[in-house]
Amino acid sequence: MKMIRLVLAILFTCGVTLACAEPSVKLEQLTQEVSAWFQSSDKSNLSSWQYSLKYNKHYLKATSETYGGGELIYRLNAKACVISIPHRFFDMHTYEIGEKVFSTHCQLMLSNTHHRHSDSLDEQTMDYSKRRDNLHNSAILAFQSLHKKAVVIQLHGFNQNKRKSDTAKLADFIVSQGKKGNFVKQKLTRCLSKISKNSYFYPELVQELGGTKNILHKLNLTPFSFIHIEISKPMRERLVKEQHTMSQFSECISQVI
């Protein structure tokens, strides 16, 4: 009788939480798998991600929303840095901007394949700035295990009209490294000021959009290696339309990676 009650309790729990129907891939396990994939000379599919090779670039792309989906693009013969685009559908043009920086400088680019507000198959959000267990975070951890000094550049977009402070309402770039940061955010902001005088670093010059609750701050990354950049909508439009402006932005990124 006790065994029957236990089985019924398990079935009831699965029915309510869906946890049994969709087991979670732990971040640590997936990180080990991605690390092995990076080091393999014979790359192939990885769990829920389909592999392809195009123009000397290795792709892993989700075939469904499982584990948050996600896309990885990896290439050799470039600098050991990471471009992260967590909201490619919500933050317009960030994917195009990130892709250009990646193609010029970095080995690894990561992005979402499903909208941040889409339904999840497990108990975790699809928002990559909050979700813990996914390809995005595992790839960053795996990559830094192989390249300890690798810098992670994460691009976001914001609406100036929705900001609270006068400074943020005028801002084109807001650079942060968490609650504090080091000289890197100042160096990057100085360079971006050549594109727009309304470039600020958090929290000293502007007190909004610092990304302090971003999930990457809770992971074991190399200290100060995560650079969070918020870009206004008008500036994003300039970057995709004006080649000179995009080149300036790319040059600024090259100074901190």
C-alpha atoms as a PDB file:
ATOM      1  CA  MET A   1       0.000   0.000   0.000  1.00  0.00           C
ATOM      2  CA  LYS A   2       2.845   2.401   0.849  1.00  0.00           C
ATOM      3  CA  MET A   3       4.456   1.677  -2.514  1.00  0.00           C
ATOM      4  CA  ILE A   4       1.193   2.401  -4.348  1.00  0.00           C
ATOM      5  CA  ARG A   5       0.843   5.714  -2.501  1.00  0.00           C
ATOM      6  CA  LEU A   6       4.434   6.632  -3.421  1.00  0.00           C
ATOM      7  CA  VAL A   7       3.846   5.887  -7.114  1.00  0.00           C
ATOM      8  CA  LEU A   8       0.643   7.932  -7.095  1.00  0.00           C
ATOM      9  CA  ALA A   9       2.445  10.818  -5.415  1.00  0.00           C
ATOM     10  CA  ILE A  10       5.182  10.786  -8.059  1.00  0.00           C
ATOM     11  CA  LEU A  11       2.656  10.684 -10.892  1.00  0.00           C
ATOM     12  CA  PHE A  12       0.721  13.554  -9.348  1.00  0.00           C
ATOM     13  CA  THR A  13       3.892  15.630  -9.009  1.00  0.00           C
ATOM     14  CA  CYS A  14       4.848  15.001 -12.608  1.00  0.00           C
ATOM     15  CA  GLY A  15       1.396  15.978 -13.781  1.00  0.00           C
ATOM     16  CA  VAL A  16       1.493  19.270 -11.907  1.00  0.00           C
ATOM     17  CA  THR A  17       5.080  20.394 -12.600  1.00  0.00           C
ATOM     18  CA  LEU A  18       5.857  18.599 -15.870  1.00  0.00           C
ATOM     19  CA  ALA A  19       9.312  18.051 -14.355  1.00  0.00           C
ATOM     20  CA  CYS A  20       9.250  14.330 -15.076  1.00  0.00           C
ATOM     21  CA  ALA A  21       8.121  14.773 -18.658  1.00  0.00           C
ATOM     22  CA  GLU A  22      10.954  17.227 -19.395  1.00  0.00           C
ATOM     23  CA  PRO A  23      14.074  16.483 -17.303  1.00  0.00           C
ATOM     24  CA  SER A  24      16.407  19.427 -16.910  1.00  0.00           C
ATOM     25  CA  VAL A  25      19.900  19.269 -18.325  1.00  0.00           C
ATOM     26  CA  LYS A  26      22.167  20.517 -15.583  1.00  0.00           C
ATOM     27  CA  LEU A  27      24.462  23.373 -16.523  1.00  0.00           C
ATOM     28  CA  GLU A  28      27.560  21.479 -15.429  1.00  0.00           C
ATOM     29  CA  GLN A  29      26.747  18.414 -17.530  1.00  0.00           C
ATOM     30  CA  LEU A  30      26.050  20.427 -20.668  1.00  0.00           C
ATOM     31  CA  THR A  31      29.210  22.489 -20.096  1.00  0.00           C
ATOM     32  CA  GLN A  32      31.292  19.300 -20.144  1.00  0.00           C
ATOM     33  CA  GLU A  33      29.599  18.197 -23.366  1.00  0.00           C
ATOM     34  CA  VAL A  34      30.182  21.558 -25.059  1.00  0.00           C
ATOM     35  CA  SER A  35      33.820  21.616 -23.918  1.00  0.00           C
ATOM     36  CA  ALA A  36      34.383  18.218 -25.499  1.00  0.00           C
ATOM     37  CA  TRP A  37      32.623  19.436 -28.659  1.00  0.00           C
ATOM     38  CA  PHE A  38      34.936  22.479 -28.890  1.00  0.00           C
ATOM     39  CA  GLN A  39      37.982  20.225 -28.656  1.00  0.00           C
ATOM     40  CA  SER A  40      36.744  17.572 -31.059  1.00  0.00           C
ATOM     41  CA  SER A  41      38.218  17.483 -34.570  1.00  0.00           C
ATOM     42  CA  ASP A  42      35.171  15.599 -35.815  1.00  0.00           C
ATOM     43  CA  LYS A  43      32.224  17.803 -34.839  1.00  0.00           C
ATOM     44  CA  SER A  44      28.643  16.551 -34.998  1.00  0.00           C
ATOM     45  CA  ASN A  45      25.206  17.080 -33.459  1.00  0.00           C
ATOM     46  CA  LEU A  46      25.089  17.801 -29.749  1.00  0.00           C
ATOM     47  CA  SER A  47      22.028  16.603 -27.816  1.00  0.00           C
ATOM     48  CA  SER A  48      19.158  18.867 -28.982  1.00  0.00           C
ATOM     49  CA  TRP A  49      21.287  20.978 -31.340  1.00  0.00           C
ATOM     50  CA  GLN A  50      21.904  20.187 -35.004  1.00  0.00           C
ATOM     51  CA  TYR A  51      25.395  20.612 -36.433  1.00  0.00           C
ATOM     52  CA  SER A  52      26.351  22.162 -39.762  1.00  0.00           C
ATOM     53  CA  LEU A  53      29.511  23.592 -41.350  1.00  0.00           C
ATOM     54  CA  LYS A  54      29.273  26.676 -43.544  1.00  0.00           C
ATOM     55  CA  TYR A  55      32.142  28.793 -44.852  1.00  0.00           C
ATOM     56  CA  ASN A  56      34.563  27.407 -42.245  1.00  0.00           C
ATOM     57  CA  LYS A  57      32.156  28.212 -39.424  1.00  0.00           C
ATOM     58  CA  HIS A  58      30.773  25.505 -37.151  1.00  0.00           C
ATOM     59  CA  TYR A  59      27.082  25.854 -36.261  1.00  0.00           C
ATOM     60  CA  LEU A  60      24.944  24.290 -33.565  1.00  0.00           C
ATOM     61  CA  LYS A  61      21.285  25.255 -33.837  1.00  0.00           C
ATOM     62  CA  ALA A  62      18.361  24.123 -31.718  1.00  0.00           C
ATOM     63  CA  THR A  63      15.755  21.930 -33.371  1.00  0.00           C
ATOM     64  CA  SER A  64      13.132  22.871 -30.751  1.00  0.00           C
ATOM     65  CA  GLU A  65      12.551  24.894 -27.567  1.00  0.00           C
ATOM     66  CA  THR A  66      14.098  22.074 -25.532  1.00  0.00           C
ATOM     67  CA  TYR A  67      16.511  23.390 -22.886  1.00  0.00           C
ATOM     68  CA  GLY A  68      15.847  26.935 -24.088  1.00  0.00           C
ATOM     69  CA  GLY A  69      16.908  26.374 -27.682  1.00  0.00           C
ATOM     70  CA  GLY A  70      19.834  28.507 -28.827  1.00  0.00           C
ATOM     71  CA  GLU A  71      22.403  28.903 -31.580  1.00  0.00           C
ATOM     72  CA  LEU A  72      26.196  28.648 -31.447  1.00  0.00           C
ATOM     73  CA  ILE A  73      28.610  29.759 -34.181  1.00  0.00           C
ATOM     74  CA  TYR A  74      32.267  28.853 -33.766  1.00  0.00           C
ATOM     75  CA  ARG A  75      35.330  29.480 -35.891  1.00  0.00           C
ATOM     76  CA  LEU A  76      39.074  29.144 -35.546  1.00  0.00           C
ATOM     77  CA  ASN A  77      41.789  31.630 -36.535  1.00  0.00           C
ATOM     78  CA  ALA A  78      40.230  34.509 -34.613  1.00  0.00           C
ATOM     79  CA  LYS A  79      40.628  36.068 -31.190  1.00  0.00           C
ATOM     80  CA  ALA A  80      39.400  34.033 -28.218  1.00  0.00           C
ATOM     81  CA  CYS A  81      36.399  36.209 -27.371  1.00  0.00           C
ATOM     82  CA  VAL A  82      32.626  35.731 -27.251  1.00  0.00           C
ATOM     83  CA  ILE A  83      29.756  37.758 -28.703  1.00  0.00           C
ATOM     84  CA  SER A  84      26.479  37.164 -26.882  1.00  0.00           C
ATOM     85  CA  ILE A  85      23.082  38.187 -28.282  1.00  0.00           C
ATOM     86  CA  PRO A  86      20.471  37.054 -25.725  1.00  0.00           C
ATOM     87  CA  HIS A  87      17.441  38.920 -27.166  1.00  0.00           C
ATOM     88  CA  ARG A  88      17.855  38.852 -30.943  1.00  0.00           C
ATOM     89  CA  PHE A  89      14.120  39.181 -31.636  1.00  0.00           C
ATOM     90  CA  PHE A  90      13.230  41.659 -28.895  1.00  0.00           C
ATOM     91  CA  ASP A  91      16.285  43.927 -29.210  1.00  0.00           C
ATOM     92  CA  MET A  92      16.139  44.816 -32.886  1.00  0.00           C
ATOM     93  CA  HIS A  93      19.395  44.805 -34.882  1.00  0.00           C
ATOM     94  CA  THR A  94      21.538  43.434 -32.048  1.00  0.00           C
ATOM     95  CA  TYR A  95      22.051  40.179 -33.946  1.00  0.00           C
ATOM     96  CA  GLU A  96      23.246  41.965 -37.091  1.00  0.00           C
ATOM     97  CA  ILE A  97      25.562  44.196 -35.068  1.00  0.00           C
ATOM     98  CA  GLY A  98      26.929  41.266 -33.087  1.00  0.00           C
ATOM     99  CA  GLU A  99      27.439  39.192 -36.216  1.00  0.00           C
ATOM    100  CA  LYS A 100      29.620  41.897 -37.766  1.00  0.00           C
ATOM    101  CA  VAL A 101      31.774  42.188 -34.650  1.00  0.00           C
ATOM    102  CA  PHE A 102      32.043  38.404 -34.435  1.00  0.00           C
ATOM    103  CA  SER A 103      33.042  38.074 -38.091  1.00  0.00           C
ATOM    104  CA  THR A 104      35.767  40.688 -37.595  1.00  0.00           C
ATOM    105  CA  HIS A 105      37.202  39.641 -34.250  1.00  0.00           C
ATOM    106  CA  CYS A 106      35.894  36.649 -32.296  1.00  0.00           C
ATOM    107  CA  GLN A 107      35.824  32.862 -32.315  1.00  0.00           C
ATOM    108  CA  LEU A 108      32.408  32.381 -30.726  1.00  0.00           C
ATOM    109  CA  MET A 109      28.939  33.883 -31.114  1.00  0.00           C
ATOM    110  CA  LEU A 110      25.865  32.820 -29.154  1.00  0.00           C
ATOM    111  CA  SER A 111      22.224  33.817 -29.525  1.00  0.00           C
ATOM    112  CA  ASN A 112      18.680  32.767 -28.748  1.00  0.00           C
ATOM    113  CA  THR A 113      16.477  31.022 -31.309  1.00  0.00           C
ATOM    114  CA  HIS A 114      13.158  31.697 -29.578  1.00  0.00           C
ATOM    115  CA  HIS A 115      11.580  34.879 -28.283  1.00  0.00           C
ATOM    116  CA  ARG A 116      12.311  35.694 -24.651  1.00  0.00           C
ATOM    117  CA  HIS A 117       8.566  35.628 -23.883  1.00  0.00           C
ATOM    118  CA  SER A 118       7.830  32.342 -25.672  1.00  0.00           C
ATOM    119  CA  ASP A 119       6.595  29.319 -23.744  1.00  0.00           C
ATOM    120  CA  SER A 120       9.227  27.135 -22.107  1.00  0.00           C
ATOM    121  CA  LEU A 121       9.187  23.330 -22.059  1.00  0.00           C
ATOM    122  CA  ASP A 122      10.569  23.280 -18.524  1.00  0.00           C
ATOM    123  CA  GLU A 123      10.279  25.362 -15.368  1.00  0.00           C
ATOM    124  CA  GLN A 124      12.903  27.897 -16.494  1.00  0.00           C
ATOM    125  CA  THR A 125      12.280  31.100 -18.436  1.00  0.00           C
ATOM    126  CA  MET A 126      13.273  31.419 -22.096  1.00  0.00           C
ATOM    127  CA  ASP A 127      14.889  34.793 -21.317  1.00  0.00           C
ATOM    128  CA  TYR A 128      18.641  34.237 -21.638  1.00  0.00           C
ATOM    129  CA  SER A 129      19.472  37.067 -19.248  1.00  0.00           C
ATOM    130  CA  LYS A 130      17.727  34.997 -16.541  1.00  0.00           C
ATOM    131  CA  ARG A 131      17.812  31.345 -17.625  1.00  0.00           C
ATOM    132  CA  ARG A 132      20.553  29.229 -16.019  1.00  0.00           C
ATOM    133  CA  ASP A 133      20.587  25.901 -17.870  1.00  0.00           C
ATOM    134  CA  ASN A 134      21.087  26.401 -21.586  1.00  0.00           C
ATOM    135  CA  LEU A 135      23.573  26.130 -24.439  1.00  0.00           C
ATOM    136  CA  HIS A 136      24.421  29.834 -24.167  1.00  0.00           C
ATOM    137  CA  ASN A 137      25.767  29.695 -20.612  1.00  0.00           C
ATOM    138  CA  SER A 138      27.378  26.284 -21.005  1.00  0.00           C
ATOM    139  CA  ALA A 139      29.242  27.420 -24.119  1.00  0.00           C
ATOM    140  CA  ILE A 140      30.596  30.508 -22.320  1.00  0.00           C
ATOM    141  CA  LEU A 141      31.770  28.444 -19.356  1.00  0.00           C
ATOM    142  CA  ALA A 142      33.277  25.786 -21.616  1.00  0.00           C
ATOM    143  CA  PHE A 143      35.019  28.379 -23.762  1.00  0.00           C
ATOM    144  CA  GLN A 144      36.508  30.151 -20.746  1.00  0.00           C
ATOM    145  CA  SER A 145      37.732  26.836 -19.388  1.00  0.00           C
ATOM    146  CA  LEU A 146      39.809  26.605 -22.563  1.00  0.00           C
ATOM    147  CA  HIS A 147      40.578  30.337 -22.829  1.00  0.00           C
ATOM    148  CA  LYS A 148      40.702  31.773 -19.320  1.00  0.00           C
ATOM    149  CA  LYS A 149      41.094  35.390 -20.436  1.00  0.00           C
ATOM    150  CA  ALA A 150      38.290  35.286 -23.014  1.00  0.00           C
ATOM    151  CA  VAL A 151      36.082  38.386 -22.848  1.00  0.00           C
ATOM    152  CA  VAL A 152      32.311  38.086 -23.244  1.00  0.00           C
ATOM    153  CA  ILE A 153      30.635  41.016 -25.026  1.00  0.00           C
ATOM    154  CA  GLN A 154      26.858  40.968 -24.587  1.00  0.00           C
ATOM    155  CA  LEU A 155      24.718  43.358 -26.643  1.00  0.00           C
ATOM    156  CA  HIS A 156      21.286  44.649 -25.643  1.00  0.00           C
ATOM    157  CA  GLY A 157      18.890  47.275 -26.939  1.00  0.00           C
ATOM    158  CA  PHE A 158      16.805  49.799 -25.027  1.00  0.00           C
ATOM    159  CA  ASN A 159      14.135  52.424 -25.599  1.00  0.00           C
ATOM    160  CA  GLN A 160      15.249  55.882 -24.489  1.00  0.00           C
ATOM    161  CA  ASN A 161      11.633  56.974 -23.970  1.00  0.00           C
ATOM    162  CA  LYS A 162      11.151  54.350 -21.268  1.00  0.00           C
ATOM    163  CA  ARG A 163      14.082  55.453 -19.139  1.00  0.00           C
ATOM    164  CA  LYS A 164      13.666  57.337 -15.865  1.00  0.00           C
ATOM    165  CA  SER A 165      16.696  59.613 -15.594  1.00  0.00           C
ATOM    166  CA  ASP A 166      17.555  62.480 -17.939  1.00  0.00           C
ATOM    167  CA  THR A 167      20.960  60.890 -18.585  1.00  0.00           C
ATOM    168  CA  ALA A 168      19.511  57.544 -19.635  1.00  0.00           C
ATOM    169  CA  LYS A 169      16.900  59.227 -21.827  1.00  0.00           C
ATOM    170  CA  LEU A 170      19.730  60.761 -23.862  1.00  0.00           C
ATOM    171  CA  ALA A 171      22.103  57.795 -23.726  1.00  0.00           C
ATOM    172  CA  ASP A 172      23.198  55.905 -26.835  1.00  0.00           C
ATOM    173  CA  PHE A 173      25.571  53.507 -25.076  1.00  0.00           C
ATOM    174  CA  ILE A 174      25.545  52.251 -21.478  1.00  0.00           C
ATOM    175  CA  VAL A 175      28.496  50.048 -20.529  1.00  0.00           C
ATOM    176  CA  SER A 176      28.650  47.930 -17.378  1.00  0.00           C
ATOM    177  CA  GLN A 177      30.477  45.037 -15.755  1.00  0.00           C
ATOM    178  CA  GLY A 178      28.103  44.432 -12.868  1.00  0.00           C
ATOM    179  CA  LYS A 179      27.850  46.463  -9.684  1.00  0.00           C
ATOM    180  CA  LYS A 180      31.445  47.705  -9.901  1.00  0.00           C
ATOM    181  CA  GLY A 181      33.750  46.799 -12.774  1.00  0.00           C
ATOM    182  CA  ASN A 182      37.272  47.953 -13.586  1.00  0.00           C
ATOM    183  CA  PHE A 183      39.121  50.271 -15.976  1.00  0.00           C
ATOM    184  CA  VAL A 184      37.842  48.344 -19.023  1.00  0.00           C
ATOM    185  CA  LYS A 185      34.358  49.873 -18.916  1.00  0.00           C
ATOM    186  CA  GLN A 186      35.913  53.332 -18.752  1.00  0.00           C
ATOM    187  CA  LYS A 187      38.234  52.588 -21.670  1.00  0.00           C
ATOM    188  CA  LEU A 188      35.381  51.254 -23.800  1.00  0.00           C
ATOM    189  CA  THR A 189      33.113  54.184 -22.931  1.00  0.00           C
ATOM    190  CA  ARG A 190      35.798  56.703 -23.879  1.00  0.00           C
ATOM    191  CA  CYS A 191      36.107  55.062 -27.278  1.00  0.00           C
ATOM    192  CA  LEU A 192      32.321  54.919 -27.790  1.00  0.00           C
ATOM    193  CA  SER A 193      32.156  58.632 -26.935  1.00  0.00           C
ATOM    194  CA  LYS A 194      33.815  59.257 -30.297  1.00  0.00           C
ATOM    195  CA  ILE A 195      30.656  57.834 -31.897  1.00  0.00           C
ATOM    196  CA  SER A 196      28.226  59.513 -29.478  1.00  0.00           C
ATOM    197  CA  LYS A 197      28.954  61.938 -26.672  1.00  0.00           C
ATOM    198  CA  ASN A 198      26.024  60.306 -24.859  1.00  0.00           C
ATOM    199  CA  SER A 199      28.037  57.256 -23.835  1.00  0.00           C
ATOM    200  CA  TYR A 200      28.117  56.326 -20.151  1.00  0.00           C
ATOM    201  CA  PHE A 201      29.308  53.596 -17.816  1.00  0.00           C
ATOM    202  CA  TYR A 202      27.314  52.169 -14.923  1.00  0.00           C
ATOM    203  CA  PRO A 203      26.913  53.019 -12.080  1.00  0.00           C
ATOM    204  CA  GLU A 204      29.178  56.090 -11.861  1.00  0.00           C
ATOM    205  CA  LEU A 205      27.710  58.049 -14.790  1.00  0.00           C
ATOM    206  CA  VAL A 206      24.255  56.498 -15.139  1.00  0.00           C
ATOM    207  CA  GLN A 207      22.220  54.453 -12.660  1.00  0.00           C
ATOM    208  CA  GLU A 208      20.041  52.465 -15.080  1.00  0.00           C
ATOM    209  CA  LEU A 209      20.477  49.399 -17.288  1.00  0.00           C
ATOM    210  CA  GLY A 210      23.515  48.050 -15.500  1.00  0.00           C
ATOM    211  CA  GLY A 211      22.516  44.421 -16.029  1.00  0.00           C
ATOM    212  CA  THR A 212      23.405  43.610 -12.429  1.00  0.00           C
ATOM    213  CA  LYS A 213      20.806  40.827 -12.227  1.00  0.00           C
ATOM    214  CA  ASN A 214      22.046  39.119 -15.378  1.00  0.00           C
ATOM    215  CA  ILE A 215      22.487  35.376 -14.878  1.00  0.00           C
ATOM    216  CA  LEU A 216      26.112  35.529 -16.063  1.00  0.00           C
ATOM    217  CA  HIS A 217      27.039  37.383 -12.883  1.00  0.00           C
ATOM    218  CA  LYS A 218      25.980  34.301 -10.937  1.00  0.00           C
ATOM    219  CA  LEU A 219      28.193  31.933 -12.904  1.00  0.00           C
ATOM    220  CA  ASN A 220      31.871  31.272 -12.376  1.00  0.00           C
ATOM    221  CA  LEU A 221      33.259  33.526 -15.089  1.00  0.00           C
ATOM    222  CA  THR A 222      36.690  35.101 -15.052  1.00  0.00           C
ATOM    223  CA  PRO A 223      36.399  38.327 -12.998  1.00  0.00           C
ATOM    224  CA  PHE A 224      35.551  41.419 -15.066  1.00  0.00           C
ATOM    225  CA  SER A 225      35.417  39.383 -18.291  1.00  0.00           C
ATOM    226  CA  PHE A 226      31.702  40.049 -18.863  1.00  0.00           C
ATOM    227  CA  ILE A 227      30.985  43.376 -20.594  1.00  0.00           C
ATOM    228  CA  HIS A 228      27.318  44.352 -20.888  1.00  0.00           C
ATOM    229  CA  ILE A 229      26.488  46.985 -23.529  1.00  0.00           C
ATOM    230  CA  GLU A 230      23.080  48.618 -23.891  1.00  0.00           C
ATOM    231  CA  ILE A 231      22.483  50.411 -27.210  1.00  0.00           C
ATOM    232  CA  SER A 232      19.659  52.868 -27.955  1.00  0.00           C
ATOM    233  CA  LYS A 233      17.325  52.213 -30.866  1.00  0.00           C
ATOM    234  CA  PRO A 234      18.541  55.226 -32.922  1.00  0.00           C
ATOM    235  CA  MET A 235      22.147  54.112 -32.478  1.00  0.00           C
ATOM    236  CA  ARG A 236      21.343  50.526 -33.449  1.00  0.00           C
ATOM    237  CA  GLU A 237      19.755  51.842 -36.621  1.00  0.00           C
ATOM    238  CA  ARG A 238      22.862  53.889 -37.349  1.00  0.00           C
ATOM    239  CA  LEU A 239      25.146  50.921 -36.791  1.00  0.00           C
ATOM    240  CA  VAL A 240      23.355  48.732 -39.334  1.00  0.00           C
ATOM    241  CA  LYS A 241      23.000  51.523 -41.898  1.00  0.00           C
ATOM    242  CA  GLU A 242      26.305  53.395 -41.610  1.00  0.00           C
ATOM    243  CA  GLN A 243      29.390  51.333 -42.394  1.00  0.00           C
ATOM    244  CA  HIS A 244      31.722  53.953 -40.930  1.00  0.00           C
ATOM    245  CA  THR A 245      29.835  53.988 -37.614  1.00  0.00           C
ATOM    246  CA  MET A 246      29.862  50.195 -37.483  1.00  0.00           C
ATOM    247  CA  SER A 247      33.604  50.192 -38.139  1.00  0.00           C
ATOM    248  CA  GLN A 248      34.122  52.647 -35.281  1.00  0.00           C
ATOM    249  CA  PHE A 249      32.070  50.453 -32.946  1.00  0.00           C
ATOM    250  CA  SER A 250      33.998  47.359 -33.986  1.00  0.00           C
ATOM    251  CA  GLU A 251      37.281  49.169 -33.354  1.00  0.00           C
ATOM    252  CA  CYS A 252      36.128  50.105 -29.849  1.00  0.00           C
ATOM    253  CA  ILE A 253      35.316  46.475 -29.105  1.00  0.00           C
ATOM    254  CA  SER A 254      38.730  45.400 -30.381  1.00  0.00           C
ATOM    255  CA  GLN A 255      40.377  47.551 -27.699  1.00  0.00           C
ATOM    256  CA  VAL A 256      38.856  45.559 -24.825  1.00  0.00           C
ATOM    257  CA  ILE A 257      38.857  41.945 -26.052  1.00  0.00           C
END
